[in-house]
Amino acid sequence: MNVQDQIPLQETTFFILLSLSRQPRHGYAILQDVAQLSNGRLQLSTGTLYGALRRMLDQGWIERYDEATGTVNGRIRKAYRITDLGQQILNADVARMQAMITAVQSSPA
């Protein structure tokens, strides 16, 4: 897979990968972290979150993390972590954005 073909990332995907690059998290913790990382601008619904997680699992960008995270309402909480491929894609998108910022800063006013 060519990493460059996967970018630019959708904002939701970017913030989920960014959250998971810091540490493995379960769904609710991802929702909270994405809201914090985006300064409250991005408030994901559970449907949006789990649809994105399912897609990233299928693409191999994240994986389930088997650490015991407890239960909620009698169900086992699933935790997720970023894979090496997911980290490469996140890094490529960050580099793309940094190059855009550099271009803006170096252009005449």
PDB file of N, CA and C in Angstrom:
ATOM      1  N   MET A   1       0.841  -1.183   0.000  1.00  0.00           N
ATOM      2  CA  MET A   1       0.000   0.000   0.000  1.00  0.00           C
ATOM      3  C   MET A   1       0.882   1.241   0.000  1.00  0.00           C
ATOM      4  N   ASN A   2       0.577   2.159  -0.908  1.00  0.00           N
ATOM      5  CA  ASN A   2       1.307   3.419  -0.953  1.00  0.00           C
ATOM      6  C   ASN A   2       0.674   4.383   0.041  1.00  0.00           C
ATOM      7  N   VAL A   3       1.427   4.768   1.037  1.00  0.00           N
ATOM      8  CA  VAL A   3       0.925   5.642   2.098  1.00  0.00           C
ATOM      9  C   VAL A   3       0.433   6.960   1.518  1.00  0.00           C
ATOM     10  N   GLN A   4       1.135   7.509   0.541  1.00  0.00           N
ATOM     11  CA  GLN A   4       0.749   8.795  -0.046  1.00  0.00           C
ATOM     12  C   GLN A   4      -0.628   8.748  -0.703  1.00  0.00           C
ATOM     13  N   ASP A   5      -1.042   7.569  -1.158  1.00  0.00           N
ATOM     14  CA  ASP A   5      -2.365   7.417  -1.776  1.00  0.00           C
ATOM     15  C   ASP A   5      -3.489   7.496  -0.744  1.00  0.00           C
ATOM     16  N   GLN A   6      -3.167   7.406   0.540  1.00  0.00           N
ATOM     17  CA  GLN A   6      -4.177   7.388   1.599  1.00  0.00           C
ATOM     18  C   GLN A   6      -4.464   8.776   2.181  1.00  0.00           C
ATOM     19  N   ILE A   7      -3.682   9.768   1.760  1.00  0.00           N
ATOM     20  CA  ILE A   7      -3.864  11.114   2.310  1.00  0.00           C
ATOM     21  C   ILE A   7      -4.351  12.049   1.212  1.00  0.00           C
ATOM     22  N   PRO A   8      -5.031  13.118   1.565  1.00  0.00           N
ATOM     23  CA  PRO A   8      -5.291  13.627   2.903  1.00  0.00           C
ATOM     24  C   PRO A   8      -6.364  12.811   3.625  1.00  0.00           C
ATOM     25  N   LEU A   9      -6.236  12.751   4.924  1.00  0.00           N
ATOM     26  CA  LEU A   9      -7.207  12.040   5.754  1.00  0.00           C
ATOM     27  C   LEU A   9      -8.430  12.917   6.001  1.00  0.00           C
ATOM     28  N   GLN A  10      -9.571  12.273   6.189  1.00  0.00           N
ATOM     29  CA  GLN A  10     -10.745  13.000   6.658  1.00  0.00           C
ATOM     30  C   GLN A  10     -10.448  13.451   8.082  1.00  0.00           C
ATOM     31  N   GLU A  11     -11.045  14.551   8.474  1.00  0.00           N
ATOM     32  CA  GLU A  11     -10.781  15.113   9.798  1.00  0.00           C
ATOM     33  C   GLU A  11     -11.075  14.114  10.916  1.00  0.00           C
ATOM     34  N   THR A  12     -12.180  13.401  10.813  1.00  0.00           N
ATOM     35  CA  THR A  12     -12.538  12.404  11.823  1.00  0.00           C
ATOM     36  C   THR A  12     -11.454  11.340  11.935  1.00  0.00           C
ATOM     37  N   THR A  13     -11.022  10.821  10.806  1.00  0.00           N
ATOM     38  CA  THR A  13      -9.980   9.791  10.782  1.00  0.00           C
ATOM     39  C   THR A  13      -8.685  10.321  11.371  1.00  0.00           C
ATOM     40  N   PHE A  14      -8.316  11.535  10.987  1.00  0.00           N
ATOM     41  CA  PHE A  14      -7.093  12.134  11.494  1.00  0.00           C
ATOM     42  C   PHE A  14      -7.102  12.192  13.021  1.00  0.00           C
ATOM     43  N   PHE A  15      -8.184  12.708  13.601  1.00  0.00           N
ATOM     44  CA  PHE A  15      -8.222  12.873  15.052  1.00  0.00           C
ATOM     45  C   PHE A  15      -8.314  11.536  15.793  1.00  0.00           C
ATOM     46  N   ILE A  16      -8.973  10.555  15.216  1.00  0.00           N
ATOM     47  CA  ILE A  16      -9.006   9.228  15.853  1.00  0.00           C
ATOM     48  C   ILE A  16      -7.605   8.622  15.852  1.00  0.00           C
ATOM     49  N   LEU A  17      -6.917   8.686  14.715  1.00  0.00           N
ATOM     50  CA  LEU A  17      -5.548   8.154  14.664  1.00  0.00           C
ATOM     51  C   LEU A  17      -4.631   8.929  15.611  1.00  0.00           C
ATOM     52  N   LEU A  18      -4.797  10.246  15.666  1.00  0.00           N
ATOM     53  CA  LEU A  18      -3.982  11.051  16.579  1.00  0.00           C
ATOM     54  C   LEU A  18      -4.217  10.625  18.026  1.00  0.00           C
ATOM     55  N   SER A  19      -5.467  10.408  18.380  1.00  0.00           N
ATOM     56  CA  SER A  19      -5.792   9.955  19.734  1.00  0.00           C
ATOM     57  C   SER A  19      -5.116   8.619  20.036  1.00  0.00           C
ATOM     58  N   LEU A  20      -5.215   7.698  19.108  1.00  0.00           N
ATOM     59  CA  LEU A  20      -4.652   6.359  19.336  1.00  0.00           C
ATOM     60  C   LEU A  20      -3.131   6.345  19.241  1.00  0.00           C
ATOM     61  N   SER A  21      -2.537   7.368  18.633  1.00  0.00           N
ATOM     62  CA  SER A  21      -1.071   7.415  18.562  1.00  0.00           C
ATOM     63  C   SER A  21      -0.474   7.745  19.924  1.00  0.00           C
ATOM     64  N   ARG A  22      -1.295   8.316  20.789  1.00  0.00           N
ATOM     65  CA  ARG A  22      -0.825   8.688  22.132  1.00  0.00           C
ATOM     66  C   ARG A  22      -0.881   7.509  23.087  1.00  0.00           C
ATOM     67  N   GLN A  23      -1.909   6.662  22.959  1.00  0.00           N
ATOM     68  CA  GLN A  23      -2.037   5.451  23.771  1.00  0.00           C
ATOM     69  C   GLN A  23      -3.267   4.677  23.306  1.00  0.00           C
ATOM     70  N   PRO A  24      -3.317   3.369  23.581  1.00  0.00           N
ATOM     71  CA  PRO A  24      -4.530   2.601  23.263  1.00  0.00           C
ATOM     72  C   PRO A  24      -5.707   3.151  24.078  1.00  0.00           C
ATOM     73  N   ARG A  25      -6.890   3.098  23.471  1.00  0.00           N
ATOM     74  CA  ARG A  25      -8.077   3.632  24.140  1.00  0.00           C
ATOM     75  C   ARG A  25      -9.306   2.817  23.755  1.00  0.00           C
ATOM     76  N   HIS A  26     -10.298   2.850  24.618  1.00  0.00           N
ATOM     77  CA  HIS A  26     -11.607   2.279  24.285  1.00  0.00           C
ATOM     78  C   HIS A  26     -12.447   3.392  23.671  1.00  0.00           C
ATOM     79  N   GLY A  27     -13.600   3.024  23.118  1.00  0.00           N
ATOM     80  CA  GLY A  27     -14.415   3.963  22.350  1.00  0.00           C
ATOM     81  C   GLY A  27     -14.752   5.258  23.051  1.00  0.00           C
ATOM     82  N   TYR A  28     -15.244   5.183  24.287  1.00  0.00           N
ATOM     83  CA  TYR A  28     -15.636   6.393  24.994  1.00  0.00           C
ATOM     84  C   TYR A  28     -14.438   7.313  25.225  1.00  0.00           C
ATOM     85  N   ALA A  29     -13.287   6.728  25.545  1.00  0.00           N
ATOM     86  CA  ALA A  29     -12.075   7.527  25.747  1.00  0.00           C
ATOM     87  C   ALA A  29     -11.646   8.198  24.442  1.00  0.00           C
ATOM     88  N   ILE A  30     -11.849   7.528  23.304  1.00  0.00           N
ATOM     89  CA  ILE A  30     -11.534   8.138  22.008  1.00  0.00           C
ATOM     90  C   ILE A  30     -12.449   9.339  21.780  1.00  0.00           C
ATOM     91  N   LEU A  31     -13.747   9.174  22.049  1.00  0.00           N
ATOM     92  CA  LEU A  31     -14.691  10.290  21.887  1.00  0.00           C
ATOM     93  C   LEU A  31     -14.249  11.500  22.694  1.00  0.00           C
ATOM     94  N   GLN A  32     -13.885  11.277  23.947  1.00  0.00           N
ATOM     95  CA  GLN A  32     -13.459  12.373  24.822  1.00  0.00           C
ATOM     96  C   GLN A  32     -12.164  13.010  24.324  1.00  0.00           C
ATOM     97  N   ASP A  33     -11.198  12.182  23.918  1.00  0.00           N
ATOM     98  CA  ASP A  33      -9.906  12.698  23.498  1.00  0.00           C
ATOM     99  C   ASP A  33     -10.024  13.484  22.190  1.00  0.00           C
ATOM    100  N   VAL A  34     -10.819  12.995  21.253  1.00  0.00           N
ATOM    101  CA  VAL A  34     -11.012  13.709  19.991  1.00  0.00           C
ATOM    102  C   VAL A  34     -11.628  15.081  20.254  1.00  0.00           C
ATOM    103  N   ALA A  35     -12.597  15.148  21.140  1.00  0.00           N
ATOM    104  CA  ALA A  35     -13.195  16.445  21.483  1.00  0.00           C
ATOM    105  C   ALA A  35     -12.144  17.386  22.072  1.00  0.00           C
ATOM    106  N   GLN A  36     -11.298  16.854  22.941  1.00  0.00           N
ATOM    107  CA  GLN A  36     -10.258  17.684  23.562  1.00  0.00           C
ATOM    108  C   GLN A  36      -9.209  18.107  22.530  1.00  0.00           C
ATOM    109  N   LEU A  37      -8.742  17.164  21.707  1.00  0.00           N
ATOM    110  CA  LEU A  37      -7.714  17.476  20.716  1.00  0.00           C
ATOM    111  C   LEU A  37      -8.186  18.519  19.705  1.00  0.00           C
ATOM    112  N   SER A  38      -9.488  18.514  19.410  1.00  0.00           N
ATOM    113  CA  SER A  38     -10.035  19.454  18.432  1.00  0.00           C
ATOM    114  C   SER A  38     -10.583  20.719  19.108  1.00  0.00           C
ATOM    115  N   ASN A  39     -10.253  20.900  20.365  1.00  0.00           N
ATOM    116  CA  ASN A  39     -10.741  22.049  21.139  1.00  0.00           C
ATOM    117  C   ASN A  39     -12.263  22.148  21.125  1.00  0.00           C
ATOM    118  N   GLY A  40     -12.916  20.984  21.180  1.00  0.00           N
ATOM    119  CA  GLY A  40     -14.368  20.931  21.250  1.00  0.00           C
ATOM    120  C   GLY A  40     -15.083  21.107  19.922  1.00  0.00           C
ATOM    121  N   ARG A  41     -14.348  21.322  18.862  1.00  0.00           N
ATOM    122  CA  ARG A  41     -14.943  21.545  17.552  1.00  0.00           C
ATOM    123  C   ARG A  41     -15.508  20.275  16.938  1.00  0.00           C
ATOM    124  N   LEU A  42     -14.904  19.138  17.256  1.00  0.00           N
ATOM    125  CA  LEU A  42     -15.319  17.860  16.681  1.00  0.00           C
ATOM    126  C   LEU A  42     -15.930  16.997  17.783  1.00  0.00           C
ATOM    127  N   GLN A  43     -17.235  16.834  17.731  1.00  0.00           N
ATOM    128  CA  GLN A  43     -17.971  16.005  18.685  1.00  0.00           C
ATOM    129  C   GLN A  43     -18.526  14.813  17.909  1.00  0.00           C
ATOM    130  N   LEU A  44     -17.877  13.668  18.029  1.00  0.00           N
ATOM    131  CA  LEU A  44     -18.283  12.491  17.259  1.00  0.00           C
ATOM    132  C   LEU A  44     -19.470  11.796  17.907  1.00  0.00           C
ATOM    133  N   SER A  45     -20.387  11.322  17.077  1.00  0.00           N
ATOM    134  CA  SER A  45     -21.439  10.443  17.581  1.00  0.00           C
ATOM    135  C   SER A  45     -20.847   9.036  17.677  1.00  0.00           C
ATOM    136  N   THR A  46     -21.482   8.184  18.454  1.00  0.00           N
ATOM    137  CA  THR A  46     -20.968   6.812  18.558  1.00  0.00           C
ATOM    138  C   THR A  46     -21.056   6.106  17.212  1.00  0.00           C
ATOM    139  N   GLY A  47     -22.091   6.394  16.425  1.00  0.00           N
ATOM    140  CA  GLY A  47     -22.218   5.773  15.101  1.00  0.00           C
ATOM    141  C   GLY A  47     -21.070   6.153  14.185  1.00  0.00           C
ATOM    142  N   THR A  48     -20.715   7.432  14.202  1.00  0.00           N
ATOM    143  CA  THR A  48     -19.591   7.903  13.387  1.00  0.00           C
ATOM    144  C   THR A  48     -18.294   7.265  13.858  1.00  0.00           C
ATOM    145  N   LEU A  49     -18.086   7.251  15.170  1.00  0.00           N
ATOM    146  CA  LEU A  49     -16.863   6.673  15.722  1.00  0.00           C
ATOM    147  C   LEU A  49     -16.729   5.205  15.342  1.00  0.00           C
ATOM    148  N   TYR A  50     -17.752   4.413  15.620  1.00  0.00           N
ATOM    149  CA  TYR A  50     -17.617   2.974  15.390  1.00  0.00           C
ATOM    150  C   TYR A  50     -17.592   2.622  13.916  1.00  0.00           C
ATOM    151  N   GLY A  51     -18.227   3.428  13.069  1.00  0.00           N
ATOM    152  CA  GLY A  51     -18.092   3.223  11.625  1.00  0.00           C
ATOM    153  C   GLY A  51     -16.658   3.470  11.172  1.00  0.00           C
ATOM    154  N   ALA A  52     -16.053   4.552  11.680  1.00  0.00           N
ATOM    155  CA  ALA A  52     -14.664   4.872  11.348  1.00  0.00           C
ATOM    156  C   ALA A  52     -13.714   3.809  11.892  1.00  0.00           C
ATOM    157  N   LEU A  53     -13.938   3.362  13.123  1.00  0.00           N
ATOM    158  CA  LEU A  53     -13.086   2.316  13.699  1.00  0.00           C
ATOM    159  C   LEU A  53     -13.168   1.036  12.882  1.00  0.00           C
ATOM    160  N   ARG A  54     -14.372   0.665  12.472  1.00  0.00           N
ATOM    161  CA  ARG A  54     -14.547  -0.550  11.666  1.00  0.00           C
ATOM    162  C   ARG A  54     -13.781  -0.443  10.339  1.00  0.00           C
ATOM    163  N   ARG A  55     -13.875   0.727   9.699  1.00  0.00           N
ATOM    164  CA  ARG A  55     -13.164   0.941   8.436  1.00  0.00           C
ATOM    165  C   ARG A  55     -11.648   0.875   8.644  1.00  0.00           C
ATOM    166  N   MET A  56     -11.159   1.514   9.709  1.00  0.00           N
ATOM    167  CA  MET A  56      -9.712   1.503   9.961  1.00  0.00           C
ATOM    168  C   MET A  56      -9.220   0.122  10.377  1.00  0.00           C
ATOM    169  N   LEU A  57     -10.048  -0.645  11.066  1.00  0.00           N
ATOM    170  CA  LEU A  57      -9.698  -2.043  11.372  1.00  0.00           C
ATOM    171  C   LEU A  57      -9.549  -2.837  10.080  1.00  0.00           C
ATOM    172  N   ASP A  58     -10.515  -2.680   9.173  1.00  0.00           N
ATOM    173  CA  ASP A  58     -10.484  -3.405   7.888  1.00  0.00           C
ATOM    174  C   ASP A  58      -9.266  -3.021   7.057  1.00  0.00           C
ATOM    175  N   GLN A  59      -8.829  -1.763   7.155  1.00  0.00           N
ATOM    176  CA  GLN A  59      -7.680  -1.287   6.385  1.00  0.00           C
ATOM    177  C   GLN A  59      -6.347  -1.611   7.059  1.00  0.00           C
ATOM    178  N   GLY A  60      -6.398  -2.080   8.298  1.00  0.00           N
ATOM    179  CA  GLY A  60      -5.161  -2.405   9.016  1.00  0.00           C
ATOM    180  C   GLY A  60      -4.475  -1.205   9.637  1.00  0.00           C
ATOM    181  N   TRP A  61      -5.192  -0.088   9.789  1.00  0.00           N
ATOM    182  CA  TRP A  61      -4.603   1.117  10.373  1.00  0.00           C
ATOM    183  C   TRP A  61      -4.640   1.075  11.887  1.00  0.00           C
ATOM    184  N   ILE A  62      -5.584   0.331  12.435  1.00  0.00           N
ATOM    185  CA  ILE A  62      -5.691   0.132  13.879  1.00  0.00           C
ATOM    186  C   ILE A  62      -5.957  -1.344  14.129  1.00  0.00           C
ATOM    187  N   GLU A  63      -5.838  -1.740  15.382  1.00  0.00           N
ATOM    188  CA  GLU A  63      -6.143  -3.119  15.761  1.00  0.00           C
ATOM    189  C   GLU A  63      -6.781  -3.118  17.137  1.00  0.00           C
ATOM    190  N   ARG A  64      -7.487  -4.203  17.430  1.00  0.00           N
ATOM    191  CA  ARG A  64      -8.039  -4.346  18.774  1.00  0.00           C
ATOM    192  C   ARG A  64      -6.890  -4.611  19.731  1.00  0.00           C
ATOM    193  N   TYR A  65      -7.035  -4.078  20.900  1.00  0.00           N
ATOM    194  CA  TYR A  65      -6.010  -4.202  21.933  1.00  0.00           C
ATOM    195  C   TYR A  65      -6.599  -5.077  23.024  1.00  0.00           C
ATOM    196  N   ASP A  66      -5.938  -6.175  23.338  1.00  0.00           N
ATOM    197  CA  ASP A  66      -6.512  -7.198  24.199  1.00  0.00           C
ATOM    198  C   ASP A  66      -6.307  -6.981  25.690  1.00  0.00           C
ATOM    199  N   GLU A  67      -5.852  -5.819  26.073  1.00  0.00           N
ATOM    200  CA  GLU A  67      -5.710  -5.553  27.501  1.00  0.00           C
ATOM    201  C   GLU A  67      -7.103  -5.501  28.136  1.00  0.00           C
ATOM    202  N   ALA A  68      -7.234  -6.080  29.304  1.00  0.00           N
ATOM    203  CA  ALA A  68      -8.522  -6.057  29.986  1.00  0.00           C
ATOM    204  C   ALA A  68      -8.859  -4.616  30.356  1.00  0.00           C
ATOM    205  N   THR A  69      -9.966  -4.129  29.831  1.00  0.00           N
ATOM    206  CA  THR A  69     -10.356  -2.742  30.100  1.00  0.00           C
ATOM    207  C   THR A  69     -11.629  -2.667  30.912  1.00  0.00           C
ATOM    208  N   GLY A  70     -12.114  -3.797  31.392  1.00  0.00           N
ATOM    209  CA  GLY A  70     -13.316  -3.785  32.215  1.00  0.00           C
ATOM    210  C   GLY A  70     -14.575  -3.988  31.402  1.00  0.00           C
ATOM    211  N   THR A  71     -15.695  -3.857  32.074  1.00  0.00           N
ATOM    212  CA  THR A  71     -16.975  -4.034  31.408  1.00  0.00           C
ATOM    213  C   THR A  71     -17.867  -2.821  31.649  1.00  0.00           C
ATOM    214  N   VAL A  72     -18.780  -2.625  30.729  1.00  0.00           N
ATOM    215  CA  VAL A  72     -19.785  -1.581  30.843  1.00  0.00           C
ATOM    216  C   VAL A  72     -21.122  -2.233  30.543  1.00  0.00           C
ATOM    217  N   ASN A  73     -22.074  -2.131  31.482  1.00  0.00           N
ATOM    218  CA  ASN A  73     -23.393  -2.751  31.313  1.00  0.00           C
ATOM    219  C   ASN A  73     -23.286  -4.232  30.960  1.00  0.00           C
ATOM    220  N   GLY A  74     -22.316  -4.921  31.568  1.00  0.00           N
ATOM    221  CA  GLY A  74     -22.148  -6.346  31.350  1.00  0.00           C
ATOM    222  C   GLY A  74     -21.425  -6.715  30.069  1.00  0.00           C
ATOM    223  N   ARG A  75     -21.030  -5.712  29.273  1.00  0.00           N
ATOM    224  CA  ARG A  75     -20.305  -5.993  28.024  1.00  0.00           C
ATOM    225  C   ARG A  75     -18.835  -5.626  28.190  1.00  0.00           C
ATOM    226  N   ILE A  76     -17.964  -6.406  27.571  1.00  0.00           N
ATOM    227  CA  ILE A  76     -16.529  -6.125  27.629  1.00  0.00           C
ATOM    228  C   ILE A  76     -16.232  -4.907  26.762  1.00  0.00           C
ATOM    229  N   ARG A  77     -15.510  -3.943  27.331  1.00  0.00           N
ATOM    230  CA  ARG A  77     -15.111  -2.768  26.563  1.00  0.00           C
ATOM    231  C   ARG A  77     -13.981  -3.152  25.633  1.00  0.00           C
ATOM    232  N   LYS A  78     -14.080  -2.734  24.386  1.00  0.00           N
ATOM    233  CA  LYS A  78     -13.035  -3.018  23.402  1.00  0.00           C
ATOM    234  C   LYS A  78     -12.091  -1.831  23.335  1.00  0.00           C
ATOM    235  N   ALA A  79     -10.817  -2.126  23.381  1.00  0.00           N
ATOM    236  CA  ALA A  79      -9.807  -1.078  23.248  1.00  0.00           C
ATOM    237  C   ALA A  79      -9.146  -1.221  21.886  1.00  0.00           C
ATOM    238  N   TYR A  80      -8.604  -0.115  21.393  1.00  0.00           N
ATOM    239  CA  TYR A  80      -7.977  -0.079  20.075  1.00  0.00           C
ATOM    240  C   TYR A  80      -6.615   0.591  20.193  1.00  0.00           C
ATOM    241  N   ARG A  81      -5.715   0.219  19.275  1.00  0.00           N
ATOM    242  CA  ARG A  81      -4.425   0.907  19.198  1.00  0.00           C
ATOM    243  C   ARG A  81      -4.037   1.043  17.730  1.00  0.00           C
ATOM    244  N   ILE A  82      -3.205   2.021  17.468  1.00  0.00           N
ATOM    245  CA  ILE A  82      -2.763   2.287  16.102  1.00  0.00           C
ATOM    246  C   ILE A  82      -1.712   1.254  15.707  1.00  0.00           C
ATOM    247  N   THR A  83      -1.713   0.853  14.440  1.00  0.00           N
ATOM    248  CA  THR A  83      -0.698  -0.067  13.934  1.00  0.00           C
ATOM    249  C   THR A  83       0.456   0.743  13.333  1.00  0.00           C
ATOM    250  N   ASP A  84       1.520   0.057  12.950  1.00  0.00           N
ATOM    251  CA  ASP A  84       2.639   0.740  12.286  1.00  0.00           C
ATOM    252  C   ASP A  84       2.158   1.424  11.006  1.00  0.00           C
ATOM    253  N   LEU A  85       1.292   0.746  10.243  1.00  0.00           N
ATOM    254  CA  LEU A  85       0.760   1.336   9.017  1.00  0.00           C
ATOM    255  C   LEU A  85      -0.064   2.584   9.334  1.00  0.00           C
ATOM    256  N   GLY A  86      -0.907   2.505  10.334  1.00  0.00           N
ATOM    257  CA  GLY A  86      -1.702   3.668  10.735  1.00  0.00           C
ATOM    258  C   GLY A  86      -0.819   4.829  11.149  1.00  0.00           C
ATOM    259  N   GLN A  87       0.264   4.546  11.866  1.00  0.00           N
ATOM    260  CA  GLN A  87       1.194   5.605  12.288  1.00  0.00           C
ATOM    261  C   GLN A  87       1.884   6.223  11.086  1.00  0.00           C
ATOM    262  N   GLN A  88       2.264   5.405  10.104  1.00  0.00           N
ATOM    263  CA  GLN A  88       2.893   5.924   8.884  1.00  0.00           C
ATOM    264  C   GLN A  88       1.945   6.857   8.137  1.00  0.00           C
ATOM    265  N   ILE A  89       0.676   6.474   8.058  1.00  0.00           N
ATOM    266  CA  ILE A  89      -0.317   7.290   7.360  1.00  0.00           C
ATOM    267  C   ILE A  89      -0.546   8.594   8.117  1.00  0.00           C
ATOM    268  N   LEU A  90      -0.670   8.524   9.428  1.00  0.00           N
ATOM    269  CA  LEU A  90      -0.830   9.731  10.240  1.00  0.00           C
ATOM    270  C   LEU A  90       0.381  10.646  10.061  1.00  0.00           C
ATOM    271  N   ASN A  91       1.582  10.098  10.128  1.00  0.00           N
ATOM    272  CA  ASN A  91       2.803  10.896   9.964  1.00  0.00           C
ATOM    273  C   ASN A  91       2.851  11.558   8.589  1.00  0.00           C
ATOM    274  N   ALA A  92       2.429  10.832   7.553  1.00  0.00           N
ATOM    275  CA  ALA A  92       2.431  11.390   6.197  1.00  0.00           C
ATOM    276  C   ALA A  92       1.459  12.560   6.094  1.00  0.00           C
ATOM    277  N   ASP A  93       0.293  12.452   6.743  1.00  0.00           N
ATOM    278  CA  ASP A  93      -0.673  13.544   6.683  1.00  0.00           C
ATOM    279  C   ASP A  93      -0.181  14.747   7.477  1.00  0.00           C
ATOM    280  N   VAL A  94       0.468  14.505   8.605  1.00  0.00           N
ATOM    281  CA  VAL A  94       1.047  15.615   9.387  1.00  0.00           C
ATOM    282  C   VAL A  94       2.126  16.315   8.559  1.00  0.00           C
ATOM    283  N   ALA A  95       2.981  15.552   7.877  1.00  0.00           N
ATOM    284  CA  ALA A  95       4.030  16.139   7.037  1.00  0.00           C
ATOM    285  C   ALA A  95       3.410  16.962   5.907  1.00  0.00           C
ATOM    286  N   ARG A  96       2.318  16.469   5.327  1.00  0.00           N
ATOM    287  CA  ARG A  96       1.618  17.195   4.263  1.00  0.00           C
ATOM    288  C   ARG A  96       1.117  18.539   4.794  1.00  0.00           C
ATOM    289  N   MET A  97       0.516  18.515   5.977  1.00  0.00           N
ATOM    290  CA  MET A  97       0.001  19.766   6.556  1.00  0.00           C
ATOM    291  C   MET A  97       1.136  20.722   6.928  1.00  0.00           C
ATOM    292  N   GLN A  98       2.236  20.173   7.444  1.00  0.00           N
ATOM    293  CA  GLN A  98       3.380  21.027   7.788  1.00  0.00           C
ATOM    294  C   GLN A  98       3.952  21.688   6.538  1.00  0.00           C
ATOM    295  N   ALA A  99       3.984  20.968   5.417  1.00  0.00           N
ATOM    296  CA  ALA A  99       4.475  21.543   4.163  1.00  0.00           C
ATOM    297  C   ALA A  99       3.556  22.670   3.695  1.00  0.00           C
ATOM    298  N   MET A 100       2.251  22.513   3.881  1.00  0.00           N
ATOM    299  CA  MET A 100       1.315  23.575   3.511  1.00  0.00           C
ATOM    300  C   MET A 100       1.529  24.815   4.379  1.00  0.00           C
ATOM    301  N   ILE A 101       1.726  24.609   5.670  1.00  0.00           N
ATOM    302  CA  ILE A 101       1.964  25.738   6.575  1.00  0.00           C
ATOM    303  C   ILE A 101       3.252  26.465   6.193  1.00  0.00           C
ATOM    304  N   THR A 102       4.286  25.712   5.872  1.00  0.00           N
ATOM    305  CA  THR A 102       5.557  26.299   5.460  1.00  0.00           C
ATOM    306  C   THR A 102       5.371  27.120   4.189  1.00  0.00           C
ATOM    307  N   ALA A 103       4.585  26.601   3.247  1.00  0.00           N
ATOM    308  CA  ALA A 103       4.345  27.329   1.997  1.00  0.00           C
ATOM    309  C   ALA A 103       3.627  28.644   2.278  1.00  0.00           C
ATOM    310  N   VAL A 104       2.646  28.628   3.156  1.00  0.00           N
ATOM    311  CA  VAL A 104       1.897  29.842   3.508  1.00  0.00           C
ATOM    312  C   VAL A 104       2.824  30.851   4.183  1.00  0.00           C
ATOM    313  N   GLN A 105       3.639  30.374   5.101  1.00  0.00           N
ATOM    314  CA  GLN A 105       4.513  31.267   5.851  1.00  0.00           C
ATOM    315  C   GLN A 105       5.608  31.870   4.984  1.00  0.00           C
ATOM    316  N   SER A 106       6.010  31.168   3.938  1.00  0.00           N
ATOM    317  CA  SER A 106       7.107  31.680   3.098  1.00  0.00           C
ATOM    318  C   SER A 106       6.606  32.465   1.893  1.00  0.00           C
ATOM    319  N   SER A 107       5.301  32.511   1.690  1.00  0.00           N
ATOM    320  CA  SER A 107       4.776  33.258   0.539  1.00  0.00           C
ATOM    321  C   SER A 107       4.691  34.751   0.888  1.00  0.00           C
ATOM    322  N   PRO A 108       4.898  35.599  -0.115  1.00  0.00           N
ATOM    323  CA  PRO A 108       4.795  37.032   0.154  1.00  0.00           C
ATOM    324  C   PRO A 108       3.361  37.413   0.522  1.00  0.00           C
ATOM    325  N   ALA A 109       3.247  38.386   1.371  1.00  0.00           N
ATOM    326  CA  ALA A 109       1.921  38.809   1.851  1.00  0.00           C
ATOM    327  C   ALA A 109       1.126  39.535   0.834  1.00  0.00           C
TER     328      ALA A 109
END
